[in-house]
Amino acid sequence: MNNTVEFKLPTDLQEAIKQIVSSSVAQIITETQQKNNYRPYMTKQETASYLHIAPKTLLDWEAKYKDIPTIEIDGVKRYRRTDLDNWMETRKLNK
């Protein structure tokens, strides 16, 4: 049994819907590409940029939250992107 209803939309409404969908898809593609431009292991500056915060805010967070996932080798700190994503998820207000 086919429960679909078909109807014809006015041409201007069809074009408006196409434009909205096209614009939304383009925005999602751009955001995904930007996220994928970050390396798997990031510096402090890259991490701050990735999190959309100031580098000073990252320093403040490191002082306040001792569980920010960090890799340190011979005093050089790196932040793994996936670990940061997981860490941010644990701080969601509406879990």
Protein backbone atom coordinates (compact mmCIF):
# COMPACT_ATOMS: atom_id res chain seq x y z
CA MET A 1 0.00 0.00 0.00
CA ASN A 2 1.43 3.35 -1.07
CA ASN A 3 0.67 6.13 1.43
CA THR A 4 2.34 8.98 -0.43
CA VAL A 5 0.70 12.20 -1.44
CA GLU A 6 1.99 14.10 -4.44
CA PHE A 7 1.39 17.76 -5.12
CA LYS A 8 2.88 20.44 -7.31
CA LEU A 9 4.54 23.41 -5.66
CA PRO A 10 4.69 26.78 -7.38
CA THR A 11 7.95 27.26 -9.29
CA ASP A 12 9.12 30.15 -7.08
CA LEU A 13 8.61 28.03 -3.95
CA GLN A 14 10.48 25.11 -5.53
CA GLU A 15 13.39 27.43 -6.33
CA ALA A 16 13.40 28.88 -2.81
CA ILE A 17 13.52 25.38 -1.30
CA LYS A 18 16.33 24.36 -3.66
CA GLN A 19 18.31 27.47 -2.67
CA ILE A 20 17.85 26.81 1.05
CA VAL A 21 18.86 23.16 0.74
CA SER A 22 21.83 24.01 -1.48
CA SER A 23 23.03 26.70 0.90
CA SER A 24 22.68 24.40 3.92
CA VAL A 25 24.58 21.58 2.25
CA ALA A 26 27.36 23.97 1.19
CA GLN A 27 27.66 25.25 4.76
CA ILE A 28 27.89 21.72 6.16
CA ILE A 29 30.55 20.80 3.61
CA THR A 30 32.57 23.92 4.47
CA GLU A 31 32.35 23.26 8.22
CA THR A 32 33.39 19.64 7.74
CA GLN A 33 36.33 20.61 5.55
CA GLN A 34 37.46 23.20 8.09
CA LYS A 35 37.30 20.67 10.91
CA ASN A 36 39.27 18.17 8.85
CA ASN A 37 41.97 20.76 8.18
CA TYR A 38 43.18 20.37 11.76
CA ARG A 39 45.94 17.86 12.26
CA PRO A 40 45.32 14.90 14.61
CA TYR A 41 47.89 16.31 17.07
CA MET A 42 47.72 20.07 17.59
CA THR A 43 49.79 22.78 19.24
CA LYS A 44 48.30 25.09 21.88
CA GLN A 45 47.58 27.73 19.24
CA GLU A 46 45.92 25.22 16.92
CA THR A 47 43.95 23.76 19.82
CA ALA A 48 42.64 27.16 20.85
CA SER A 49 41.63 27.85 17.26
CA TYR A 50 39.99 24.42 16.96
CA LEU A 51 37.97 25.04 20.14
CA HIS A 52 37.14 28.61 19.02
CA ILE A 53 38.65 30.10 22.16
CA ALA A 54 41.53 32.48 22.85
CA PRO A 55 44.90 30.89 23.69
CA LYS A 56 44.66 32.59 27.11
CA THR A 57 41.36 30.80 27.72
CA LEU A 58 43.04 27.48 26.98
CA LEU A 59 45.73 28.33 29.55
CA ASP A 60 43.03 29.26 32.07
CA TRP A 61 41.19 26.00 31.40
CA GLU A 62 44.38 24.01 31.89
CA ALA A 63 44.85 25.64 35.29
CA LYS A 64 41.21 25.05 36.25
CA TYR A 65 40.57 21.62 34.70
CA LYS A 66 43.36 19.19 35.38
CA ASP A 67 41.86 16.52 33.12
CA ILE A 68 42.28 18.22 29.74
CA PRO A 69 43.85 15.45 27.63
CA THR A 70 47.41 16.42 26.78
CA ILE A 71 50.40 14.55 25.42
CA GLU A 72 53.77 15.84 26.59
CA ILE A 73 57.17 14.67 25.37
CA ASP A 74 60.28 16.46 26.58
CA GLY A 75 58.23 19.50 27.58
CA VAL A 76 56.47 19.74 24.19
CA LYS A 77 52.68 19.59 24.58
CA ARG A 78 50.29 18.33 21.95
CA TYR A 79 46.56 17.87 22.01
CA ARG A 80 44.89 15.04 20.13
CA ARG A 81 41.79 16.26 18.33
CA THR A 82 39.65 13.21 19.08
CA ASP A 83 40.59 13.31 22.79
CA LEU A 84 39.57 16.98 22.95
CA ASP A 85 36.25 16.22 21.25
CA ASN A 86 35.58 13.49 23.81
CA TRP A 87 36.62 15.75 26.69
CA MET A 88 34.27 18.49 25.48
CA GLU A 89 31.42 15.96 25.22
CA THR A 90 31.83 15.11 28.92
CA ARG A 91 31.06 18.75 29.71
CA LYS A 92 27.74 18.91 27.90
CA LEU A 93 25.06 20.50 30.04
CA ASN A 94 22.25 18.31 28.68
CA LYS A 95 23.89 14.90 28.55
